[in-house]
Amino acid sequence: MNTSEGTGRTDTPVLAAGCVLWRRSPVTGRTEICLVHRPKYDDWSHPKGKLKHGEDALAGALREVAEETGHTAAPGAELPTARYEVAGRPKEVRYWAGEAVSGTFTANDEVDRVLWLPPAAARVRLTRPRDRDLIDALLATAHLA
């Protein structure tokens, strides 16, 4: 790993992956987006997590969705990669559209709640503004309404 002199910053990015998980509402048939609440950070986000050493990014995204939401996702188009810093270290999170095809949520240490929301409500609930662009990308790519 490379570090910048004197900063302690590691230039090798942390690699992570996730999905913008969606489904058709069982009541209205309209698109709903799944958001996860992480009590450790008290935030609302898309399901995602760090990749295991040597893990394929899409496989990691689907694994994280299953671990955090209890749902199996059918992967769709790749969405924009999020790039930002965490504790002075670059992080890259690759995202895919993921249609929830089966599963049931059970609270765990990482995620204590999930919400299925219409896209406009999901945008408002997301903690980080950068995550809102992923909803727009999903809707444009998957032609969902």
N, C-alpha and C. Protein backbone atom coordinates (compact mmCIF):
# COMPACT_ATOMS: atom_id res chain seq x y z
N MET A 1 0.83 -1.19 0.00
CA MET A 1 0.00 0.00 0.00
C MET A 1 0.87 1.24 0.00
N ASN A 2 0.42 2.24 -0.68
CA ASN A 2 1.13 3.51 -0.73
C ASN A 2 0.51 4.46 0.28
N THR A 3 1.36 5.17 0.97
CA THR A 3 0.85 6.21 1.86
C THR A 3 1.50 7.52 1.48
N SER A 4 0.74 8.58 1.59
CA SER A 4 1.28 9.90 1.32
C SER A 4 2.14 10.29 2.52
N GLU A 5 3.32 10.85 2.22
CA GLU A 5 4.25 11.19 3.30
C GLU A 5 3.63 12.16 4.28
N GLY A 6 3.75 11.83 5.55
CA GLY A 6 3.34 12.73 6.60
C GLY A 6 1.84 12.77 6.88
N THR A 7 1.02 12.19 6.02
CA THR A 7 -0.43 12.28 6.23
C THR A 7 -1.00 11.04 6.87
N GLY A 8 -0.32 9.90 6.71
CA GLY A 8 -0.86 8.65 7.22
C GLY A 8 -1.99 8.13 6.35
N ARG A 9 -2.29 8.84 5.27
CA ARG A 9 -3.38 8.43 4.38
C ARG A 9 -2.93 7.29 3.49
N THR A 10 -3.75 6.28 3.39
CA THR A 10 -3.48 5.18 2.49
C THR A 10 -4.17 5.47 1.18
N ASP A 11 -3.42 5.38 0.07
CA ASP A 11 -3.98 5.71 -1.23
C ASP A 11 -4.74 4.55 -1.87
N THR A 12 -4.53 3.33 -1.38
CA THR A 12 -5.25 2.20 -1.91
C THR A 12 -6.69 2.27 -1.41
N PRO A 13 -7.66 2.32 -2.33
CA PRO A 13 -9.04 2.48 -1.87
C PRO A 13 -9.60 1.24 -1.20
N VAL A 14 -10.50 1.47 -0.26
CA VAL A 14 -11.31 0.41 0.31
C VAL A 14 -12.34 0.07 -0.77
N LEU A 15 -12.46 -1.20 -1.11
CA LEU A 15 -13.40 -1.61 -2.15
C LEU A 15 -14.66 -2.19 -1.51
N ALA A 16 -15.80 -1.72 -1.99
CA ALA A 16 -17.09 -2.17 -1.47
C ALA A 16 -18.07 -2.26 -2.63
N ALA A 17 -19.21 -2.88 -2.36
CA ALA A 17 -20.24 -3.01 -3.40
C ALA A 17 -21.60 -3.14 -2.75
N GLY A 18 -22.63 -2.80 -3.52
CA GLY A 18 -23.99 -2.91 -3.02
C GLY A 18 -24.99 -2.79 -4.15
N CYS A 19 -26.23 -2.73 -3.78
CA CYS A 19 -27.32 -2.61 -4.75
C CYS A 19 -28.30 -1.53 -4.32
N VAL A 20 -28.91 -0.93 -5.31
CA VAL A 20 -30.12 -0.15 -5.06
C VAL A 20 -31.22 -1.20 -5.24
N LEU A 21 -31.68 -1.72 -4.11
CA LEU A 21 -32.63 -2.82 -4.10
C LEU A 21 -34.04 -2.27 -4.31
N TRP A 22 -34.78 -2.88 -5.23
CA TRP A 22 -36.11 -2.40 -5.54
C TRP A 22 -37.07 -3.57 -5.70
N ARG A 23 -38.35 -3.24 -5.64
CA ARG A 23 -39.41 -4.23 -5.88
C ARG A 23 -40.65 -3.48 -6.34
N ARG A 24 -41.60 -4.24 -6.81
CA ARG A 24 -42.93 -3.70 -7.09
C ARG A 24 -43.73 -3.84 -5.80
N SER A 25 -44.38 -2.78 -5.38
CA SER A 25 -45.18 -2.81 -4.16
C SER A 25 -46.24 -3.90 -4.26
N PRO A 26 -46.35 -4.73 -3.21
CA PRO A 26 -47.39 -5.76 -3.23
C PRO A 26 -48.80 -5.15 -3.18
N VAL A 27 -48.91 -3.89 -2.80
CA VAL A 27 -50.21 -3.23 -2.68
C VAL A 27 -50.55 -2.43 -3.94
N THR A 28 -49.63 -1.58 -4.38
CA THR A 28 -49.92 -0.66 -5.48
C THR A 28 -49.30 -1.07 -6.81
N GLY A 29 -48.29 -1.94 -6.77
CA GLY A 29 -47.57 -2.31 -7.98
C GLY A 29 -46.54 -1.29 -8.42
N ARG A 30 -46.41 -0.20 -7.68
CA ARG A 30 -45.43 0.83 -8.01
C ARG A 30 -44.05 0.47 -7.44
N THR A 31 -43.02 1.09 -8.00
CA THR A 31 -41.65 0.83 -7.56
C THR A 31 -41.43 1.29 -6.13
N GLU A 32 -40.76 0.44 -5.36
CA GLU A 32 -40.32 0.79 -4.01
C GLU A 32 -38.83 0.49 -3.90
N ILE A 33 -38.14 1.34 -3.15
CA ILE A 33 -36.70 1.22 -2.92
C ILE A 33 -36.49 0.77 -1.47
N CYS A 34 -35.58 -0.17 -1.28
CA CYS A 34 -35.25 -0.65 0.07
C CYS A 34 -34.09 0.16 0.64
N LEU A 35 -34.30 0.75 1.81
CA LEU A 35 -33.23 1.43 2.54
C LEU A 35 -32.98 0.67 3.83
N VAL A 36 -31.71 0.65 4.23
CA VAL A 36 -31.33 -0.02 5.47
C VAL A 36 -30.90 1.00 6.50
N HIS A 37 -31.23 0.73 7.77
CA HIS A 37 -30.80 1.57 8.88
C HIS A 37 -29.69 0.84 9.63
N ARG A 38 -28.54 1.51 9.71
CA ARG A 38 -27.40 0.94 10.43
C ARG A 38 -27.27 1.64 11.77
N PRO A 39 -27.56 0.93 12.87
CA PRO A 39 -27.52 1.59 14.18
C PRO A 39 -26.14 2.12 14.55
N LYS A 40 -25.08 1.46 14.08
CA LYS A 40 -23.72 1.91 14.41
C LYS A 40 -23.48 3.34 13.94
N TYR A 41 -24.05 3.69 12.80
CA TYR A 41 -23.88 5.03 12.22
C TYR A 41 -25.15 5.87 12.32
N ASP A 42 -26.25 5.27 12.74
CA ASP A 42 -27.57 5.90 12.77
C ASP A 42 -27.86 6.58 11.44
N ASP A 43 -27.71 5.81 10.36
CA ASP A 43 -27.96 6.36 9.03
C ASP A 43 -28.87 5.45 8.22
N TRP A 44 -29.41 6.01 7.16
CA TRP A 44 -30.22 5.29 6.18
C TRP A 44 -29.45 5.29 4.88
N SER A 45 -29.27 4.10 4.30
CA SER A 45 -28.48 3.99 3.07
C SER A 45 -28.96 2.81 2.25
N HIS A 46 -28.32 2.63 1.11
CA HIS A 46 -28.55 1.44 0.30
C HIS A 46 -27.71 0.30 0.89
N PRO A 47 -28.16 -0.94 0.77
CA PRO A 47 -27.35 -2.05 1.29
C PRO A 47 -26.03 -2.15 0.53
N LYS A 48 -24.95 -2.23 1.30
CA LYS A 48 -23.60 -2.28 0.72
C LYS A 48 -22.64 -2.75 1.79
N GLY A 49 -21.44 -3.11 1.37
CA GLY A 49 -20.41 -3.48 2.32
C GLY A 49 -19.09 -3.75 1.65
N LYS A 50 -18.07 -3.90 2.46
CA LYS A 50 -16.72 -4.15 1.96
C LYS A 50 -16.64 -5.52 1.30
N LEU A 51 -15.83 -5.55 0.25
CA LEU A 51 -15.59 -6.81 -0.43
C LEU A 51 -14.60 -7.65 0.36
N LYS A 52 -14.78 -8.96 0.31
CA LYS A 52 -13.80 -9.87 0.88
C LYS A 52 -12.63 -9.95 -0.08
N HIS A 53 -11.46 -10.31 0.43
CA HIS A 53 -10.25 -10.39 -0.39
C HIS A 53 -10.49 -11.27 -1.62
N GLY A 54 -10.29 -10.70 -2.81
CA GLY A 54 -10.43 -11.45 -4.05
C GLY A 54 -11.87 -11.65 -4.51
N GLU A 55 -12.84 -11.11 -3.79
CA GLU A 55 -14.25 -11.31 -4.14
C GLU A 55 -14.64 -10.44 -5.34
N ASP A 56 -15.38 -11.03 -6.26
CA ASP A 56 -15.94 -10.30 -7.39
C ASP A 56 -16.92 -9.26 -6.86
N ALA A 57 -16.90 -8.06 -7.45
CA ALA A 57 -17.73 -6.96 -6.93
C ALA A 57 -19.22 -7.28 -6.99
N LEU A 58 -19.70 -7.85 -8.08
CA LEU A 58 -21.12 -8.16 -8.17
C LEU A 58 -21.50 -9.24 -7.16
N ALA A 59 -20.67 -10.24 -7.01
CA ALA A 59 -20.94 -11.29 -6.00
C ALA A 59 -20.99 -10.68 -4.61
N GLY A 60 -20.08 -9.75 -4.34
CA GLY A 60 -20.07 -9.07 -3.05
C GLY A 60 -21.31 -8.22 -2.83
N ALA A 61 -21.77 -7.55 -3.88
CA ALA A 61 -22.97 -6.73 -3.78
C ALA A 61 -24.18 -7.60 -3.43
N LEU A 62 -24.31 -8.74 -4.11
CA LEU A 62 -25.44 -9.63 -3.84
C LEU A 62 -25.35 -10.26 -2.46
N ARG A 63 -24.13 -10.56 -2.02
CA ARG A 63 -23.92 -11.11 -0.67
C ARG A 63 -24.33 -10.08 0.39
N GLU A 64 -23.91 -8.84 0.19
CA GLU A 64 -24.23 -7.80 1.16
C GLU A 64 -25.74 -7.55 1.22
N VAL A 65 -26.41 -7.55 0.07
CA VAL A 65 -27.86 -7.39 0.06
C VAL A 65 -28.51 -8.50 0.88
N ALA A 66 -28.08 -9.74 0.66
CA ALA A 66 -28.66 -10.87 1.39
C ALA A 66 -28.38 -10.75 2.89
N GLU A 67 -27.15 -10.39 3.26
CA GLU A 67 -26.79 -10.28 4.68
C GLU A 67 -27.56 -9.15 5.37
N GLU A 68 -27.70 -8.02 4.69
CA GLU A 68 -28.28 -6.85 5.33
C GLU A 68 -29.81 -6.79 5.25
N THR A 69 -30.39 -7.38 4.20
CA THR A 69 -31.84 -7.26 4.02
C THR A 69 -32.59 -8.58 4.10
N GLY A 70 -31.88 -9.71 4.00
CA GLY A 70 -32.53 -11.02 3.96
C GLY A 70 -33.11 -11.35 2.61
N HIS A 71 -32.90 -10.50 1.62
CA HIS A 71 -33.48 -10.71 0.29
C HIS A 71 -32.44 -11.17 -0.73
N THR A 72 -32.89 -12.01 -1.63
CA THR A 72 -32.11 -12.38 -2.80
C THR A 72 -32.43 -11.36 -3.88
N ALA A 73 -31.41 -10.88 -4.55
CA ALA A 73 -31.60 -9.87 -5.59
C ALA A 73 -31.20 -10.42 -6.94
N ALA A 74 -32.02 -10.11 -7.94
CA ALA A 74 -31.66 -10.39 -9.33
C ALA A 74 -30.94 -9.15 -9.84
N PRO A 75 -29.65 -9.29 -10.19
CA PRO A 75 -28.90 -8.10 -10.59
C PRO A 75 -29.33 -7.55 -11.94
N GLY A 76 -29.30 -6.24 -12.02
CA GLY A 76 -29.58 -5.54 -13.27
C GLY A 76 -28.36 -4.76 -13.69
N ALA A 77 -28.60 -3.61 -14.26
CA ALA A 77 -27.52 -2.77 -14.78
C ALA A 77 -26.61 -2.26 -13.67
N GLU A 78 -25.34 -2.09 -14.02
CA GLU A 78 -24.43 -1.45 -13.08
C GLU A 78 -24.75 0.03 -13.05
N LEU A 79 -24.74 0.58 -11.86
CA LEU A 79 -25.03 1.99 -11.61
C LEU A 79 -23.72 2.72 -11.35
N PRO A 80 -23.74 4.05 -11.24
CA PRO A 80 -22.50 4.79 -11.00
C PRO A 80 -21.79 4.34 -9.72
N THR A 81 -20.48 4.36 -9.77
CA THR A 81 -19.64 4.04 -8.62
C THR A 81 -19.53 5.28 -7.73
N ALA A 82 -19.72 5.08 -6.44
CA ALA A 82 -19.56 6.18 -5.47
C ALA A 82 -18.11 6.19 -5.01
N ARG A 83 -17.51 7.37 -4.99
CA ARG A 83 -16.13 7.54 -4.52
C ARG A 83 -16.12 8.65 -3.48
N TYR A 84 -15.56 8.32 -2.31
CA TYR A 84 -15.49 9.29 -1.23
C TYR A 84 -14.42 8.83 -0.25
N GLU A 85 -14.15 9.64 0.75
CA GLU A 85 -13.14 9.29 1.76
C GLU A 85 -13.80 8.94 3.07
N VAL A 86 -13.20 7.96 3.74
CA VAL A 86 -13.60 7.57 5.09
C VAL A 86 -12.34 7.56 5.94
N ALA A 87 -12.32 8.38 6.96
CA ALA A 87 -11.15 8.49 7.85
C ALA A 87 -9.87 8.72 7.06
N GLY A 88 -9.94 9.58 6.03
CA GLY A 88 -8.77 9.94 5.25
C GLY A 88 -8.36 8.93 4.20
N ARG A 89 -9.13 7.87 4.04
CA ARG A 89 -8.80 6.84 3.06
C ARG A 89 -9.87 6.80 1.97
N PRO A 90 -9.44 6.70 0.70
CA PRO A 90 -10.43 6.65 -0.37
C PRO A 90 -11.24 5.35 -0.32
N LYS A 91 -12.50 5.47 -0.67
CA LYS A 91 -13.39 4.31 -0.72
C LYS A 91 -14.14 4.34 -2.05
N GLU A 92 -14.28 3.18 -2.66
CA GLU A 92 -15.03 3.04 -3.91
C GLU A 92 -16.11 1.99 -3.69
N VAL A 93 -17.35 2.39 -3.96
CA VAL A 93 -18.48 1.48 -3.81
C VAL A 93 -19.14 1.32 -5.17
N ARG A 94 -19.05 0.11 -5.74
CA ARG A 94 -19.73 -0.18 -7.00
C ARG A 94 -21.16 -0.62 -6.67
N TYR A 95 -22.11 -0.13 -7.46
CA TYR A 95 -23.52 -0.42 -7.24
C TYR A 95 -24.16 -1.03 -8.48
N TRP A 96 -25.15 -1.86 -8.24
CA TRP A 96 -25.99 -2.41 -9.29
C TRP A 96 -27.45 -2.19 -8.93
N ALA A 97 -28.29 -2.17 -9.95
CA ALA A 97 -29.72 -2.28 -9.72
C ALA A 97 -29.95 -3.72 -9.26
N GLY A 98 -30.79 -3.90 -8.27
CA GLY A 98 -31.08 -5.25 -7.79
C GLY A 98 -32.56 -5.39 -7.49
N GLU A 99 -33.23 -6.27 -8.23
CA GLU A 99 -34.65 -6.50 -7.97
C GLU A 99 -34.79 -7.58 -6.90
N ALA A 100 -35.50 -7.24 -5.83
CA ALA A 100 -35.75 -8.21 -4.76
C ALA A 100 -36.68 -9.30 -5.29
N VAL A 101 -36.22 -10.55 -5.27
CA VAL A 101 -37.04 -11.64 -5.81
C VAL A 101 -37.59 -12.56 -4.73
N SER A 102 -36.95 -12.59 -3.58
CA SER A 102 -37.45 -13.40 -2.47
C SER A 102 -36.73 -12.98 -1.20
N GLY A 103 -37.29 -13.40 -0.06
CA GLY A 103 -36.62 -13.14 1.20
C GLY A 103 -37.48 -12.39 2.19
N THR A 104 -36.99 -12.38 3.41
CA THR A 104 -37.64 -11.69 4.52
C THR A 104 -36.57 -11.08 5.39
N PHE A 105 -36.78 -9.87 5.82
CA PHE A 105 -35.81 -9.19 6.67
C PHE A 105 -35.88 -9.69 8.11
N THR A 106 -34.71 -9.89 8.68
CA THR A 106 -34.56 -10.17 10.11
C THR A 106 -33.48 -9.22 10.63
N ALA A 107 -33.78 -8.47 11.66
CA ALA A 107 -32.81 -7.53 12.22
C ALA A 107 -31.55 -8.26 12.65
N ASN A 108 -30.42 -7.58 12.51
CA ASN A 108 -29.13 -8.15 12.90
C ASN A 108 -28.24 -7.05 13.47
N ASP A 109 -27.00 -7.38 13.79
CA ASP A 109 -26.09 -6.41 14.40
C ASP A 109 -25.79 -5.22 13.48
N GLU A 110 -25.74 -5.46 12.18
CA GLU A 110 -25.41 -4.39 11.25
C GLU A 110 -26.61 -3.53 10.86
N VAL A 111 -27.77 -4.18 10.67
CA VAL A 111 -28.96 -3.49 10.20
C VAL A 111 -30.12 -3.84 11.11
N ASP A 112 -30.72 -2.81 11.71
CA ASP A 112 -31.84 -3.09 12.63
C ASP A 112 -33.21 -2.83 12.02
N ARG A 113 -33.25 -2.11 10.87
CA ARG A 113 -34.53 -1.83 10.22
C ARG A 113 -34.32 -1.69 8.72
N VAL A 114 -35.35 -2.03 7.97
CA VAL A 114 -35.40 -1.71 6.55
C VAL A 114 -36.72 -1.01 6.27
N LEU A 115 -36.70 -0.17 5.27
CA LEU A 115 -37.92 0.50 4.80
C LEU A 115 -38.03 0.30 3.29
N TRP A 116 -39.23 0.02 2.84
CA TRP A 116 -39.55 -0.01 1.40
C TRP A 116 -40.33 1.26 1.11
N LEU A 117 -39.74 2.15 0.34
CA LEU A 117 -40.34 3.47 0.10
C LEU A 117 -40.43 3.79 -1.38
N PRO A 118 -41.44 4.59 -1.76
CA PRO A 118 -41.45 5.10 -3.13
C PRO A 118 -40.18 5.92 -3.36
N PRO A 119 -39.72 6.02 -4.61
CA PRO A 119 -38.45 6.72 -4.87
C PRO A 119 -38.35 8.12 -4.26
N ALA A 120 -39.40 8.92 -4.35
CA ALA A 120 -39.32 10.29 -3.81
C ALA A 120 -39.12 10.27 -2.29
N ALA A 121 -39.82 9.38 -1.60
CA ALA A 121 -39.67 9.28 -0.15
C ALA A 121 -38.30 8.71 0.23
N ALA A 122 -37.79 7.79 -0.59
CA ALA A 122 -36.46 7.22 -0.33
C ALA A 122 -35.39 8.30 -0.44
N ARG A 123 -35.53 9.17 -1.45
CA ARG A 123 -34.56 10.28 -1.60
C ARG A 123 -34.49 11.12 -0.33
N VAL A 124 -35.65 11.43 0.23
CA VAL A 124 -35.72 12.27 1.42
C VAL A 124 -35.12 11.55 2.63
N ARG A 125 -35.36 10.25 2.75
CA ARG A 125 -34.93 9.49 3.92
C ARG A 125 -33.43 9.20 3.93
N LEU A 126 -32.82 9.09 2.76
CA LEU A 126 -31.38 8.80 2.70
C LEU A 126 -30.59 9.84 3.49
N THR A 127 -29.63 9.37 4.26
CA THR A 127 -28.83 10.27 5.08
C THR A 127 -27.85 11.09 4.24
N ARG A 128 -27.22 10.46 3.26
CA ARG A 128 -26.18 11.13 2.48
C ARG A 128 -26.72 11.55 1.10
N PRO A 129 -26.59 12.82 0.77
CA PRO A 129 -27.08 13.29 -0.53
C PRO A 129 -26.51 12.51 -1.71
N ARG A 130 -25.25 12.04 -1.64
CA ARG A 130 -24.65 11.33 -2.77
C ARG A 130 -25.43 10.05 -3.11
N ASP A 131 -26.12 9.48 -2.12
CA ASP A 131 -26.89 8.26 -2.37
C ASP A 131 -28.16 8.51 -3.17
N ARG A 132 -28.61 9.76 -3.21
CA ARG A 132 -29.84 10.09 -3.93
C ARG A 132 -29.68 9.94 -5.44
N ASP A 133 -28.48 10.24 -5.94
CA ASP A 133 -28.22 10.11 -7.38
C ASP A 133 -28.38 8.67 -7.85
N LEU A 134 -28.13 7.72 -6.96
CA LEU A 134 -28.27 6.31 -7.33
C LEU A 134 -29.73 5.94 -7.62
N ILE A 135 -30.66 6.58 -6.93
CA ILE A 135 -32.08 6.33 -7.21
C ILE A 135 -32.41 6.83 -8.61
N ASP A 136 -31.92 8.03 -8.95
CA ASP A 136 -32.16 8.56 -10.29
C ASP A 136 -31.56 7.64 -11.35
N ALA A 137 -30.36 7.14 -11.10
CA ALA A 137 -29.70 6.23 -12.05
C ALA A 137 -30.50 4.94 -12.20
N LEU A 138 -30.99 4.41 -11.09
CA LEU A 138 -31.81 3.20 -11.15
C LEU A 138 -33.05 3.44 -12.00
N LEU A 139 -33.76 4.51 -11.73
CA LEU A 139 -35.01 4.78 -12.44
C LEU A 139 -34.76 4.99 -13.93
N ALA A 140 -33.66 5.65 -14.28
CA ALA A 140 -33.34 5.88 -15.70
C ALA A 140 -32.91 4.59 -16.39
N THR A 141 -32.11 3.79 -15.70
CA THR A 141 -31.57 2.58 -16.30
C THR A 141 -32.61 1.48 -16.42
N ALA A 142 -33.40 1.32 -15.39
CA ALA A 142 -34.36 0.23 -15.37
C ALA A 142 -35.73 0.63 -15.91
N HIS A 143 -35.88 1.92 -16.27
CA HIS A 143 -37.16 2.42 -16.79
C HIS A 143 -38.31 2.11 -15.83
N LEU A 144 -38.07 2.41 -14.56
CA LEU A 144 -39.08 2.19 -13.53
C LEU A 144 -39.78 3.50 -13.23
N ALA A 145 -40.99 3.38 -12.72
CA ALA A 145 -41.72 4.59 -12.34
C ALA A 145 -42.24 4.45 -10.94
